[in-house]
Amino acid sequence: MRVSRINVFTLALVAVMALVAAAYYQSLPDPVPTHWNAAGEVDGWTAKPLGVWLLPLMAGGLSVLLFVLPAISPRGFRLDLARRAYDIVVFLVVAFLAVVEVLAFRAALGETGELARALPIMIGFLFIGLGNYLGKFPKNFFVGIRTPWTLASDAVWNRTHRLAGWLFMAAGVLIVGNGFLAGPAWVLVIMIMFAALVPAVYSFFCYRRLHGFRDEAP
């Protein structure tokens, strides 16, 4: 398995997350607030060791897992031709978790307004980034809109992911705009559902149009 420069940046970011957790550890309460409702009020807590180290551990475990998965992908579903795009997506996800970590720690110390304002905007930017790369992935089991119809047809996979890329970016722009305007939280939920569900439904109709569902002769 080849380690790219982007992989190194990703692991370095995980190390920074660990340093941030260590820096905040003494000042954080026990238990640590780990969930806030739409009004910015704490409605969930986690014991301090886990609450502090959860995101760095999650980011580290996810980075290692996503690094290994392409190497064990079966023939015909390899990510070799899109490895750079794949590595960038992994980096974007870890970068998102790093921002969430800082916002969550500051919210645990009383700066809840920052979390409520910034988190939707960061989700929007993540969707824009993901949408930019979705159309670059060949058929695989690990990244993308993995429905029975996309996995059964290269043509359906490609068409679905071109659509998904545009929808993710459009949803991301609307989420960012809604965040800057302090719009209602339901806009975020609707946009996420829209970007995820429409391509999945489209893949069914695309497969039916291209291949049909008639029984094949044995």
N, C-alpha and C. Protein backbone atom coordinates (compact mmCIF):
# COMPACT_ATOMS: atom_id res chain seq x y z
N MET A 1 0.85 -1.20 0.00
CA MET A 1 0.00 0.00 0.00
C MET A 1 0.88 1.25 0.00
N ARG A 2 0.64 2.12 -0.93
CA ARG A 2 1.44 3.34 -1.06
C ARG A 2 0.88 4.43 -0.15
N VAL A 3 1.77 5.06 0.61
CA VAL A 3 1.37 6.16 1.48
C VAL A 3 1.60 7.46 0.73
N SER A 4 0.53 8.19 0.47
CA SER A 4 0.63 9.44 -0.28
C SER A 4 0.86 10.62 0.67
N ARG A 5 1.17 11.75 0.08
CA ARG A 5 1.36 12.97 0.87
C ARG A 5 0.06 13.34 1.60
N ILE A 6 -1.06 13.12 0.93
CA ILE A 6 -2.35 13.44 1.56
C ILE A 6 -2.59 12.54 2.77
N ASN A 7 -2.18 11.26 2.68
CA ASN A 7 -2.29 10.36 3.84
C ASN A 7 -1.48 10.89 5.01
N VAL A 8 -0.29 11.40 4.72
CA VAL A 8 0.56 11.95 5.79
C VAL A 8 -0.11 13.16 6.42
N PHE A 9 -0.68 14.05 5.60
CA PHE A 9 -1.40 15.21 6.13
C PHE A 9 -2.57 14.77 7.01
N THR A 10 -3.26 13.73 6.58
CA THR A 10 -4.41 13.24 7.35
C THR A 10 -3.97 12.74 8.72
N LEU A 11 -2.91 11.93 8.75
CA LEU A 11 -2.42 11.41 10.02
C LEU A 11 -1.87 12.53 10.89
N ALA A 12 -1.24 13.53 10.27
CA ALA A 12 -0.75 14.69 11.04
C ALA A 12 -1.92 15.43 11.67
N LEU A 13 -3.02 15.53 10.96
CA LEU A 13 -4.20 16.21 11.50
C LEU A 13 -4.78 15.42 12.67
N VAL A 14 -4.76 14.09 12.58
CA VAL A 14 -5.20 13.26 13.70
C VAL A 14 -4.32 13.52 14.92
N ALA A 15 -3.01 13.64 14.70
CA ALA A 15 -2.08 13.93 15.80
C ALA A 15 -2.39 15.29 16.41
N VAL A 16 -2.71 16.27 15.58
CA VAL A 16 -3.09 17.60 16.09
C VAL A 16 -4.36 17.49 16.94
N MET A 17 -5.31 16.68 16.50
CA MET A 17 -6.54 16.49 17.28
C MET A 17 -6.22 15.91 18.66
N ALA A 18 -5.27 14.97 18.70
CA ALA A 18 -4.87 14.40 19.99
C ALA A 18 -4.22 15.45 20.88
N LEU A 19 -3.39 16.32 20.30
CA LEU A 19 -2.76 17.39 21.07
C LEU A 19 -3.80 18.38 21.59
N VAL A 20 -4.80 18.69 20.76
CA VAL A 20 -5.87 19.60 21.19
C VAL A 20 -6.64 18.98 22.35
N ALA A 21 -6.94 17.69 22.25
CA ALA A 21 -7.65 17.01 23.34
C ALA A 21 -6.84 17.05 24.63
N ALA A 22 -5.54 16.82 24.52
CA ALA A 22 -4.68 16.87 25.71
C ALA A 22 -4.64 18.28 26.30
N ALA A 23 -4.62 19.29 25.43
CA ALA A 23 -4.55 20.68 25.90
C ALA A 23 -5.83 21.09 26.63
N TYR A 24 -6.97 20.59 26.18
CA TYR A 24 -8.25 20.97 26.78
C TYR A 24 -8.62 20.10 27.99
N TYR A 25 -7.95 18.97 28.15
CA TYR A 25 -8.42 17.94 29.09
C TYR A 25 -8.67 18.48 30.50
N GLN A 26 -7.70 19.18 31.06
CA GLN A 26 -7.82 19.63 32.45
C GLN A 26 -8.94 20.64 32.65
N SER A 27 -9.21 21.45 31.65
CA SER A 27 -10.19 22.52 31.80
C SER A 27 -11.63 22.07 31.55
N LEU A 28 -11.82 20.90 30.97
CA LEU A 28 -13.16 20.43 30.65
C LEU A 28 -13.84 19.81 31.88
N PRO A 29 -15.16 19.96 31.99
CA PRO A 29 -15.88 19.38 33.13
C PRO A 29 -16.00 17.87 32.99
N ASP A 30 -16.40 17.23 34.07
CA ASP A 30 -16.64 15.79 34.06
C ASP A 30 -18.02 15.52 34.69
N PRO A 31 -18.98 15.00 33.94
CA PRO A 31 -18.90 14.53 32.56
C PRO A 31 -18.84 15.67 31.56
N VAL A 32 -18.43 15.33 30.34
CA VAL A 32 -18.27 16.33 29.28
C VAL A 32 -19.56 16.43 28.47
N PRO A 33 -20.09 17.64 28.27
CA PRO A 33 -21.25 17.78 27.36
C PRO A 33 -20.86 17.32 25.95
N THR A 34 -21.66 16.43 25.38
CA THR A 34 -21.34 15.90 24.05
C THR A 34 -22.49 16.01 23.06
N HIS A 35 -23.62 16.54 23.51
CA HIS A 35 -24.74 16.70 22.57
C HIS A 35 -25.55 17.92 22.97
N TRP A 36 -25.94 18.69 21.96
CA TRP A 36 -26.72 19.90 22.17
C TRP A 36 -27.96 19.85 21.28
N ASN A 37 -29.08 20.38 21.78
CA ASN A 37 -30.28 20.42 20.95
C ASN A 37 -30.25 21.64 20.03
N ALA A 38 -31.31 21.82 19.25
CA ALA A 38 -31.33 22.91 18.27
C ALA A 38 -31.25 24.28 18.91
N ALA A 39 -31.65 24.37 20.19
CA ALA A 39 -31.60 25.64 20.90
C ALA A 39 -30.24 25.91 21.53
N GLY A 40 -29.30 24.98 21.35
CA GLY A 40 -27.97 25.14 21.93
C GLY A 40 -27.87 24.69 23.37
N GLU A 41 -28.88 23.97 23.87
CA GLU A 41 -28.88 23.49 25.25
C GLU A 41 -28.32 22.08 25.31
N VAL A 42 -27.52 21.82 26.34
CA VAL A 42 -26.92 20.49 26.50
C VAL A 42 -28.00 19.48 26.84
N ASP A 43 -28.04 18.37 26.09
CA ASP A 43 -28.98 17.30 26.42
C ASP A 43 -28.31 15.93 26.37
N GLY A 44 -26.97 15.92 26.43
CA GLY A 44 -26.25 14.66 26.48
C GLY A 44 -24.85 14.85 27.04
N TRP A 45 -24.41 13.91 27.89
CA TRP A 45 -23.09 13.99 28.52
C TRP A 45 -22.38 12.65 28.36
N THR A 46 -21.04 12.70 28.42
CA THR A 46 -20.22 11.50 28.36
C THR A 46 -19.11 11.62 29.40
N ALA A 47 -18.76 10.49 30.03
CA ALA A 47 -17.68 10.49 31.02
C ALA A 47 -16.42 11.11 30.42
N LYS A 48 -15.69 11.84 31.24
CA LYS A 48 -14.61 12.68 30.74
C LYS A 48 -13.57 11.96 29.87
N PRO A 49 -12.99 10.86 30.27
CA PRO A 49 -11.96 10.30 29.37
C PRO A 49 -12.49 10.01 27.97
N LEU A 50 -13.65 9.36 27.89
CA LEU A 50 -14.21 9.04 26.58
C LEU A 50 -14.68 10.29 25.85
N GLY A 51 -15.32 11.20 26.58
CA GLY A 51 -15.83 12.41 25.96
C GLY A 51 -14.75 13.27 25.35
N VAL A 52 -13.57 13.27 25.96
CA VAL A 52 -12.46 14.08 25.45
C VAL A 52 -11.75 13.39 24.27
N TRP A 53 -11.56 12.09 24.38
CA TRP A 53 -10.74 11.38 23.40
C TRP A 53 -11.54 10.72 22.28
N LEU A 54 -12.86 10.81 22.35
CA LEU A 54 -13.69 10.10 21.37
C LEU A 54 -13.40 10.53 19.93
N LEU A 55 -13.40 11.84 19.66
CA LEU A 55 -13.22 12.30 18.28
C LEU A 55 -11.81 12.02 17.74
N PRO A 56 -10.73 12.25 18.54
CA PRO A 56 -9.41 11.86 18.01
C PRO A 56 -9.30 10.37 17.72
N LEU A 57 -9.88 9.54 18.62
CA LEU A 57 -9.84 8.09 18.38
C LEU A 57 -10.67 7.71 17.16
N MET A 58 -11.82 8.35 17.02
CA MET A 58 -12.67 8.09 15.86
C MET A 58 -11.96 8.48 14.57
N ALA A 59 -11.33 9.66 14.58
CA ALA A 59 -10.62 10.12 13.39
C ALA A 59 -9.45 9.21 13.05
N GLY A 60 -8.71 8.78 14.07
CA GLY A 60 -7.58 7.89 13.83
C GLY A 60 -8.02 6.54 13.31
N GLY A 61 -9.03 5.96 13.95
CA GLY A 61 -9.53 4.66 13.51
C GLY A 61 -10.10 4.72 12.10
N LEU A 62 -10.84 5.78 11.82
CA LEU A 62 -11.43 5.94 10.49
C LEU A 62 -10.35 6.11 9.43
N SER A 63 -9.31 6.87 9.75
CA SER A 63 -8.22 7.09 8.80
C SER A 63 -7.53 5.78 8.45
N VAL A 64 -7.23 4.97 9.46
CA VAL A 64 -6.56 3.69 9.22
C VAL A 64 -7.46 2.75 8.43
N LEU A 65 -8.73 2.67 8.84
CA LEU A 65 -9.67 1.78 8.15
C LEU A 65 -9.82 2.16 6.68
N LEU A 66 -10.01 3.45 6.42
CA LEU A 66 -10.21 3.90 5.04
C LEU A 66 -8.93 3.80 4.21
N PHE A 67 -7.78 3.79 4.88
CA PHE A 67 -6.52 3.58 4.16
C PHE A 67 -6.39 2.12 3.71
N VAL A 68 -6.86 1.20 4.56
CA VAL A 68 -6.71 -0.23 4.28
C VAL A 68 -7.76 -0.74 3.29
N LEU A 69 -8.98 -0.21 3.35
CA LEU A 69 -10.08 -0.77 2.56
C LEU A 69 -9.80 -0.88 1.06
N PRO A 70 -9.23 0.14 0.40
CA PRO A 70 -8.99 -0.01 -1.04
C PRO A 70 -8.09 -1.19 -1.39
N ALA A 71 -7.17 -1.54 -0.48
CA ALA A 71 -6.24 -2.63 -0.76
C ALA A 71 -6.92 -4.00 -0.72
N ILE A 72 -8.05 -4.10 -0.04
CA ILE A 72 -8.74 -5.39 0.06
C ILE A 72 -10.01 -5.42 -0.79
N SER A 73 -10.20 -4.40 -1.61
CA SER A 73 -11.37 -4.36 -2.48
C SER A 73 -11.22 -5.41 -3.58
N PRO A 74 -12.28 -6.16 -3.89
CA PRO A 74 -12.18 -7.21 -4.91
C PRO A 74 -11.95 -6.65 -6.30
N ARG A 75 -11.42 -7.48 -7.15
CA ARG A 75 -11.14 -7.09 -8.53
C ARG A 75 -12.44 -6.66 -9.22
N GLY A 76 -12.35 -5.57 -9.97
CA GLY A 76 -13.53 -5.02 -10.61
C GLY A 76 -14.18 -3.91 -9.81
N PHE A 77 -13.71 -3.73 -8.57
CA PHE A 77 -14.26 -2.69 -7.70
C PHE A 77 -13.13 -1.90 -7.05
N ARG A 78 -12.00 -1.78 -7.75
CA ARG A 78 -10.82 -1.14 -7.18
C ARG A 78 -10.90 0.37 -7.31
N LEU A 79 -10.22 1.05 -6.39
CA LEU A 79 -10.20 2.51 -6.37
C LEU A 79 -8.88 3.08 -6.88
N ASP A 80 -8.06 2.24 -7.51
CA ASP A 80 -6.71 2.67 -7.90
C ASP A 80 -6.71 3.93 -8.76
N LEU A 81 -7.63 4.00 -9.73
CA LEU A 81 -7.64 5.13 -10.65
C LEU A 81 -8.17 6.41 -10.02
N ALA A 82 -8.76 6.29 -8.84
CA ALA A 82 -9.30 7.47 -8.15
C ALA A 82 -8.72 7.58 -6.74
N ARG A 83 -7.51 7.04 -6.56
CA ARG A 83 -6.95 7.01 -5.20
C ARG A 83 -6.72 8.41 -4.65
N ARG A 84 -6.29 9.33 -5.48
CA ARG A 84 -6.06 10.70 -5.00
C ARG A 84 -7.37 11.32 -4.52
N ALA A 85 -8.43 11.17 -5.31
CA ALA A 85 -9.73 11.70 -4.91
C ALA A 85 -10.20 11.05 -3.62
N TYR A 86 -9.98 9.75 -3.50
CA TYR A 86 -10.36 9.02 -2.29
C TYR A 86 -9.60 9.55 -1.08
N ASP A 87 -8.30 9.74 -1.22
CA ASP A 87 -7.49 10.25 -0.10
C ASP A 87 -7.93 11.66 0.30
N ILE A 88 -8.30 12.48 -0.68
CA ILE A 88 -8.76 13.84 -0.37
C ILE A 88 -10.07 13.80 0.40
N VAL A 89 -10.97 12.90 0.01
CA VAL A 89 -12.24 12.78 0.73
C VAL A 89 -12.01 12.35 2.18
N VAL A 90 -11.09 11.40 2.39
CA VAL A 90 -10.76 11.00 3.76
C VAL A 90 -10.21 12.18 4.55
N PHE A 91 -9.34 12.97 3.92
CA PHE A 91 -8.80 14.15 4.59
C PHE A 91 -9.90 15.14 4.94
N LEU A 92 -10.86 15.36 4.03
CA LEU A 92 -11.95 16.30 4.29
C LEU A 92 -12.79 15.84 5.48
N VAL A 93 -13.05 14.55 5.57
CA VAL A 93 -13.84 14.03 6.69
C VAL A 93 -13.09 14.22 8.01
N VAL A 94 -11.79 13.93 8.02
CA VAL A 94 -11.00 14.11 9.24
C VAL A 94 -10.90 15.58 9.60
N ALA A 95 -10.74 16.45 8.60
CA ALA A 95 -10.69 17.90 8.87
C ALA A 95 -12.00 18.37 9.47
N PHE A 96 -13.12 17.84 8.98
CA PHE A 96 -14.42 18.17 9.55
C PHE A 96 -14.48 17.75 11.02
N LEU A 97 -14.02 16.54 11.33
CA LEU A 97 -14.02 16.07 12.72
C LEU A 97 -13.12 16.93 13.59
N ALA A 98 -12.01 17.41 13.03
CA ALA A 98 -11.10 18.27 13.80
C ALA A 98 -11.78 19.59 14.17
N VAL A 99 -12.52 20.17 13.23
CA VAL A 99 -13.25 21.41 13.52
C VAL A 99 -14.34 21.15 14.56
N VAL A 100 -15.05 20.04 14.41
CA VAL A 100 -16.10 19.69 15.37
C VAL A 100 -15.50 19.52 16.77
N GLU A 101 -14.31 18.93 16.85
CA GLU A 101 -13.66 18.74 18.15
C GLU A 101 -13.45 20.08 18.85
N VAL A 102 -12.88 21.04 18.15
CA VAL A 102 -12.61 22.34 18.76
C VAL A 102 -13.91 23.03 19.15
N LEU A 103 -14.91 23.00 18.26
CA LEU A 103 -16.20 23.63 18.56
C LEU A 103 -16.86 22.97 19.77
N ALA A 104 -16.77 21.64 19.85
CA ALA A 104 -17.39 20.92 20.96
C ALA A 104 -16.71 21.25 22.28
N PHE A 105 -15.38 21.32 22.27
CA PHE A 105 -14.66 21.66 23.50
C PHE A 105 -15.00 23.07 23.96
N ARG A 106 -15.07 24.00 23.02
CA ARG A 106 -15.40 25.38 23.39
C ARG A 106 -16.85 25.46 23.89
N ALA A 107 -17.74 24.68 23.26
CA ALA A 107 -19.13 24.67 23.73
C ALA A 107 -19.22 24.08 25.12
N ALA A 108 -18.40 23.06 25.42
CA ALA A 108 -18.40 22.46 26.75
C ALA A 108 -17.94 23.45 27.82
N LEU A 109 -17.18 24.46 27.38
CA LEU A 109 -16.72 25.50 28.31
C LEU A 109 -17.63 26.72 28.31
N GLY A 110 -18.77 26.61 27.62
CA GLY A 110 -19.77 27.67 27.68
C GLY A 110 -19.98 28.45 26.40
N GLU A 111 -19.13 28.24 25.39
CA GLU A 111 -19.27 28.99 24.12
C GLU A 111 -20.20 28.25 23.17
N THR A 112 -21.44 28.02 23.58
CA THR A 112 -22.37 27.22 22.78
C THR A 112 -22.79 27.93 21.50
N GLY A 113 -22.74 29.26 21.49
CA GLY A 113 -23.15 30.00 20.30
C GLY A 113 -22.29 29.68 19.10
N GLU A 114 -20.98 29.49 19.32
CA GLU A 114 -20.08 29.16 18.22
C GLU A 114 -20.47 27.85 17.55
N LEU A 115 -20.80 26.85 18.37
CA LEU A 115 -21.17 25.54 17.82
C LEU A 115 -22.44 25.64 16.99
N ALA A 116 -23.44 26.32 17.54
CA ALA A 116 -24.73 26.44 16.84
C ALA A 116 -24.59 27.17 15.51
N ARG A 117 -23.70 28.17 15.45
CA ARG A 117 -23.53 28.94 14.22
C ARG A 117 -22.63 28.23 13.22
N ALA A 118 -21.53 27.67 13.72
CA ALA A 118 -20.49 27.17 12.81
C ALA A 118 -20.74 25.76 12.30
N LEU A 119 -21.37 24.90 13.10
CA LEU A 119 -21.50 23.51 12.69
C LEU A 119 -22.29 23.33 11.39
N PRO A 120 -23.46 23.97 11.24
CA PRO A 120 -24.18 23.83 9.96
C PRO A 120 -23.35 24.33 8.77
N ILE A 121 -22.60 25.41 8.97
CA ILE A 121 -21.78 25.94 7.89
C ILE A 121 -20.69 24.94 7.50
N MET A 122 -20.07 24.31 8.51
CA MET A 122 -19.03 23.33 8.24
C MET A 122 -19.61 22.09 7.54
N ILE A 123 -20.81 21.69 7.92
CA ILE A 123 -21.46 20.57 7.24
C ILE A 123 -21.69 20.92 5.77
N GLY A 124 -22.12 22.16 5.52
CA GLY A 124 -22.32 22.60 4.15
C GLY A 124 -21.05 22.55 3.33
N PHE A 125 -19.95 23.05 3.90
CA PHE A 125 -18.67 23.01 3.17
C PHE A 125 -18.22 21.57 2.94
N LEU A 126 -18.48 20.68 3.91
CA LEU A 126 -18.13 19.27 3.72
C LEU A 126 -18.91 18.68 2.54
N PHE A 127 -20.19 19.00 2.45
CA PHE A 127 -21.00 18.51 1.33
C PHE A 127 -20.49 19.05 0.00
N ILE A 128 -20.08 20.31 -0.02
CA ILE A 128 -19.52 20.87 -1.26
C ILE A 128 -18.26 20.11 -1.66
N GLY A 129 -17.39 19.85 -0.68
CA GLY A 129 -16.17 19.11 -0.97
C GLY A 129 -16.44 17.70 -1.44
N LEU A 130 -17.35 17.01 -0.76
CA LEU A 130 -17.69 15.64 -1.16
C LEU A 130 -18.30 15.62 -2.55
N GLY A 131 -19.19 16.56 -2.81
CA GLY A 131 -19.84 16.61 -4.12
C GLY A 131 -18.86 16.82 -5.25
N ASN A 132 -17.79 17.56 -4.98
CA ASN A 132 -16.79 17.83 -6.01
C ASN A 132 -16.06 16.57 -6.45
N TYR A 133 -16.02 15.55 -5.56
CA TYR A 133 -15.25 14.34 -5.87
C TYR A 133 -16.11 13.11 -6.12
N LEU A 134 -17.41 13.16 -5.82
CA LEU A 134 -18.24 11.98 -5.98
C LEU A 134 -18.22 11.43 -7.41
N GLY A 135 -18.26 12.31 -8.39
CA GLY A 135 -18.29 11.86 -9.77
C GLY A 135 -17.00 11.25 -10.26
N LYS A 136 -15.94 11.31 -9.47
CA LYS A 136 -14.63 10.80 -9.89
C LYS A 136 -14.40 9.35 -9.49
N PHE A 137 -15.28 8.79 -8.65
CA PHE A 137 -15.05 7.44 -8.13
C PHE A 137 -15.60 6.37 -9.07
N PRO A 138 -14.77 5.36 -9.40
CA PRO A 138 -15.30 4.21 -10.13
C PRO A 138 -16.16 3.36 -9.19
N LYS A 139 -16.83 2.41 -9.75
CA LYS A 139 -17.70 1.53 -8.96
C LYS A 139 -16.89 0.82 -7.88
N ASN A 140 -17.36 0.93 -6.63
CA ASN A 140 -16.65 0.31 -5.51
C ASN A 140 -17.63 0.08 -4.37
N PHE A 141 -17.18 -0.64 -3.34
CA PHE A 141 -18.05 -1.00 -2.23
C PHE A 141 -17.98 -0.03 -1.06
N PHE A 142 -17.11 0.97 -1.10
CA PHE A 142 -16.81 1.73 0.10
C PHE A 142 -17.20 3.20 0.05
N VAL A 143 -17.19 3.82 -1.11
CA VAL A 143 -17.46 5.25 -1.22
C VAL A 143 -18.50 5.49 -2.30
N GLY A 144 -19.49 6.30 -1.98
CA GLY A 144 -20.46 6.69 -3.00
C GLY A 144 -21.86 6.20 -2.71
N ILE A 145 -22.71 6.27 -3.73
CA ILE A 145 -24.11 5.85 -3.63
C ILE A 145 -24.15 4.37 -3.99
N ARG A 146 -24.07 3.51 -2.98
CA ARG A 146 -23.93 2.08 -3.20
C ARG A 146 -25.30 1.40 -3.07
N THR A 147 -26.04 1.40 -4.15
CA THR A 147 -27.32 0.71 -4.20
C THR A 147 -27.15 -0.55 -5.05
N PRO A 148 -28.10 -1.48 -4.99
CA PRO A 148 -27.99 -2.67 -5.86
C PRO A 148 -27.87 -2.32 -7.33
N TRP A 149 -28.46 -1.21 -7.74
CA TRP A 149 -28.49 -0.85 -9.16
C TRP A 149 -27.21 -0.16 -9.61
N THR A 150 -26.59 0.64 -8.73
CA THR A 150 -25.30 1.24 -9.11
C THR A 150 -24.20 0.18 -9.13
N LEU A 151 -24.24 -0.76 -8.19
CA LEU A 151 -23.21 -1.79 -8.14
C LEU A 151 -23.36 -2.82 -9.26
N ALA A 152 -24.54 -2.89 -9.85
CA ALA A 152 -24.78 -3.86 -10.92
C ALA A 152 -24.43 -3.32 -12.30
N SER A 153 -24.19 -2.01 -12.41
CA SER A 153 -23.99 -1.41 -13.74
C SER A 153 -23.04 -0.23 -13.67
N ASP A 154 -21.98 -0.27 -14.47
CA ASP A 154 -21.06 0.86 -14.54
C ASP A 154 -21.76 2.12 -15.04
N ALA A 155 -22.64 1.96 -16.02
CA ALA A 155 -23.34 3.12 -16.58
C ALA A 155 -24.24 3.77 -15.54
N VAL A 156 -24.95 2.95 -14.78
CA VAL A 156 -25.83 3.49 -13.73
C VAL A 156 -24.99 4.15 -12.64
N TRP A 157 -23.89 3.52 -12.27
CA TRP A 157 -22.99 4.11 -11.27
C TRP A 157 -22.52 5.49 -11.72
N ASN A 158 -22.03 5.58 -12.95
CA ASN A 158 -21.48 6.85 -13.43
C ASN A 158 -22.55 7.94 -13.51
N ARG A 159 -23.71 7.62 -14.04
CA ARG A 159 -24.77 8.62 -14.15
C ARG A 159 -25.27 9.05 -12.77
N THR A 160 -25.43 8.09 -11.88
CA THR A 160 -25.91 8.41 -10.53
C THR A 160 -24.93 9.31 -9.81
N HIS A 161 -23.64 9.05 -9.96
CA HIS A 161 -22.66 9.85 -9.22
C HIS A 161 -22.41 11.22 -9.84
N ARG A 162 -22.63 11.35 -11.13
CA ARG A 162 -22.60 12.70 -11.70
C ARG A 162 -23.75 13.53 -11.12
N LEU A 163 -24.92 12.93 -11.04
CA LEU A 163 -26.06 13.63 -10.43
C LEU A 163 -25.80 13.91 -8.95
N ALA A 164 -25.31 12.90 -8.23
CA ALA A 164 -25.07 13.05 -6.79
C ALA A 164 -24.06 14.16 -6.52
N GLY A 165 -23.03 14.26 -7.35
CA GLY A 165 -22.04 15.32 -7.16
C GLY A 165 -22.66 16.69 -7.22
N TRP A 166 -23.50 16.93 -8.24
CA TRP A 166 -24.17 18.22 -8.35
C TRP A 166 -25.13 18.46 -7.19
N LEU A 167 -25.87 17.43 -6.79
CA LEU A 167 -26.83 17.59 -5.70
C LEU A 167 -26.13 17.86 -4.37
N PHE A 168 -25.03 17.17 -4.11
CA PHE A 168 -24.28 17.40 -2.87
C PHE A 168 -23.75 18.83 -2.83
N MET A 169 -23.21 19.30 -3.96
CA MET A 169 -22.69 20.67 -3.97
C MET A 169 -23.81 21.70 -3.83
N ALA A 170 -24.94 21.46 -4.50
CA ALA A 170 -26.07 22.39 -4.37
C ALA A 170 -26.60 22.40 -2.95
N ALA A 171 -26.74 21.21 -2.36
CA ALA A 171 -27.20 21.13 -0.97
C ALA A 171 -26.21 21.82 -0.05
N GLY A 172 -24.92 21.64 -0.30
CA GLY A 172 -23.91 22.28 0.53
C GLY A 172 -23.99 23.79 0.48
N VAL A 173 -24.18 24.34 -0.72
CA VAL A 173 -24.31 25.80 -0.86
C VAL A 173 -25.52 26.31 -0.09
N LEU A 174 -26.64 25.61 -0.21
CA LEU A 174 -27.85 26.02 0.51
C LEU A 174 -27.68 25.90 2.01
N ILE A 175 -27.00 24.85 2.46
CA ILE A 175 -26.75 24.67 3.90
C ILE A 175 -25.86 25.79 4.43
N VAL A 176 -24.80 26.12 3.68
CA VAL A 176 -23.91 27.21 4.10
C VAL A 176 -24.68 28.53 4.16
N GLY A 177 -25.46 28.82 3.12
CA GLY A 177 -26.25 30.05 3.12
C GLY A 177 -27.23 30.10 4.27
N ASN A 178 -27.89 28.98 4.53
CA ASN A 178 -28.83 28.93 5.65
C ASN A 178 -28.12 29.13 6.98
N GLY A 179 -26.88 28.60 7.07
CA GLY A 179 -26.11 28.77 8.31
C GLY A 179 -25.72 30.21 8.54
N PHE A 180 -25.24 30.89 7.49
CA PHE A 180 -24.86 32.29 7.64
C PHE A 180 -26.06 33.18 7.96
N LEU A 181 -27.23 32.79 7.47
CA LEU A 181 -28.44 33.57 7.73
C LEU A 181 -29.15 33.15 9.01
N ALA A 182 -28.53 32.19 9.74
CA ALA A 182 -29.13 31.66 10.97
C ALA A 182 -30.55 31.16 10.72
N GLY A 183 -30.71 30.43 9.61
CA GLY A 183 -32.01 29.89 9.24
C GLY A 183 -32.40 28.71 10.09
N PRO A 184 -33.59 28.16 9.86
CA PRO A 184 -34.09 27.06 10.69
C PRO A 184 -33.29 25.78 10.49
N ALA A 185 -33.23 24.96 11.56
CA ALA A 185 -32.45 23.72 11.51
C ALA A 185 -33.03 22.71 10.53
N TRP A 186 -34.34 22.78 10.28
CA TRP A 186 -34.95 21.78 9.39
C TRP A 186 -34.43 21.89 7.96
N VAL A 187 -33.92 23.06 7.58
CA VAL A 187 -33.34 23.20 6.24
C VAL A 187 -32.14 22.27 6.09
N LEU A 188 -31.30 22.20 7.13
CA LEU A 188 -30.14 21.31 7.11
C LEU A 188 -30.58 19.87 6.94
N VAL A 189 -31.58 19.45 7.70
CA VAL A 189 -32.05 18.06 7.64
C VAL A 189 -32.62 17.74 6.26
N ILE A 190 -33.44 18.64 5.74
CA ILE A 190 -34.06 18.42 4.43
C ILE A 190 -33.00 18.33 3.33
N MET A 191 -32.00 19.20 3.38
CA MET A 191 -30.97 19.19 2.34
C MET A 191 -30.14 17.91 2.39
N ILE A 192 -29.82 17.43 3.59
CA ILE A 192 -29.06 16.18 3.72
C ILE A 192 -29.86 15.01 3.16
N MET A 193 -31.14 14.94 3.52
CA MET A 193 -32.00 13.87 3.02
C MET A 193 -32.15 13.95 1.51
N PHE A 194 -32.31 15.16 1.00
CA PHE A 194 -32.47 15.37 -0.44
C PHE A 194 -31.24 14.88 -1.20
N ALA A 195 -30.06 15.29 -0.73
CA ALA A 195 -28.82 14.93 -1.43
C ALA A 195 -28.55 13.43 -1.37
N ALA A 196 -28.97 12.77 -0.29
CA ALA A 196 -28.70 11.34 -0.13
C ALA A 196 -29.75 10.46 -0.82
N LEU A 197 -31.02 10.85 -0.73
CA LEU A 197 -32.10 9.98 -1.20
C LEU A 197 -32.36 10.10 -2.70
N VAL A 198 -32.29 11.32 -3.24
CA VAL A 198 -32.61 11.50 -4.66
C VAL A 198 -31.70 10.65 -5.56
N PRO A 199 -30.36 10.64 -5.35
CA PRO A 199 -29.53 9.79 -6.20
C PRO A 199 -29.85 8.30 -6.05
N ALA A 200 -30.18 7.87 -4.83
CA ALA A 200 -30.52 6.45 -4.63
C ALA A 200 -31.77 6.08 -5.42
N VAL A 201 -32.79 6.93 -5.35
CA VAL A 201 -34.02 6.67 -6.11
C VAL A 201 -33.74 6.75 -7.61
N TYR A 202 -32.95 7.73 -8.00
CA TYR A 202 -32.60 7.89 -9.42
C TYR A 202 -31.91 6.63 -9.96
N SER A 203 -31.05 6.01 -9.14
CA SER A 203 -30.31 4.83 -9.61
C SER A 203 -31.26 3.70 -9.99
N PHE A 204 -32.37 3.57 -9.26
CA PHE A 204 -33.37 2.54 -9.59
C PHE A 204 -33.98 2.80 -10.96
N PHE A 205 -34.44 4.02 -11.17
CA PHE A 205 -35.09 4.34 -12.44
C PHE A 205 -34.09 4.34 -13.60
N CYS A 206 -32.86 4.73 -13.32
CA CYS A 206 -31.83 4.71 -14.35
C CYS A 206 -31.54 3.27 -14.77
N TYR A 207 -31.44 2.37 -13.80
CA TYR A 207 -31.19 0.96 -14.12
C TYR A 207 -32.36 0.39 -14.91
N ARG A 208 -33.57 0.72 -14.49
CA ARG A 208 -34.75 0.19 -15.19
C ARG A 208 -34.79 0.68 -16.63
N ARG A 209 -34.40 1.94 -16.85
CA ARG A 209 -34.40 2.48 -18.21
C ARG A 209 -33.31 1.85 -19.07
N LEU A 210 -32.13 1.62 -18.49
CA LEU A 210 -31.02 1.11 -19.28
C LEU A 210 -31.04 -0.40 -19.46
N HIS A 211 -31.49 -1.12 -18.42
CA HIS A 211 -31.36 -2.58 -18.43
C HIS A 211 -32.69 -3.32 -18.28
N GLY A 212 -33.66 -2.67 -17.66
CA GLY A 212 -34.93 -3.35 -17.42
C GLY A 212 -34.82 -4.38 -16.31
N PHE A 213 -35.93 -5.02 -15.99
CA PHE A 213 -35.97 -6.02 -14.92
C PHE A 213 -36.58 -7.34 -15.40
N ARG A 214 -36.55 -7.57 -16.69
CA ARG A 214 -37.07 -8.83 -17.19
C ARG A 214 -36.15 -9.98 -16.79
N ASP A 215 -36.74 -11.13 -16.52
CA ASP A 215 -35.94 -12.30 -16.15
C ASP A 215 -35.05 -12.69 -17.31
N GLU A 216 -33.79 -12.96 -16.99
CA GLU A 216 -32.86 -13.39 -18.02
C GLU A 216 -32.96 -14.90 -18.21
N ALA A 217 -32.73 -15.34 -19.40
CA ALA A 217 -32.77 -16.78 -19.67
C ALA A 217 -31.60 -17.45 -18.99
N PRO A 218 -31.79 -18.65 -18.44
CA PRO A 218 -30.69 -19.35 -17.77
C PRO A 218 -29.60 -19.75 -18.76
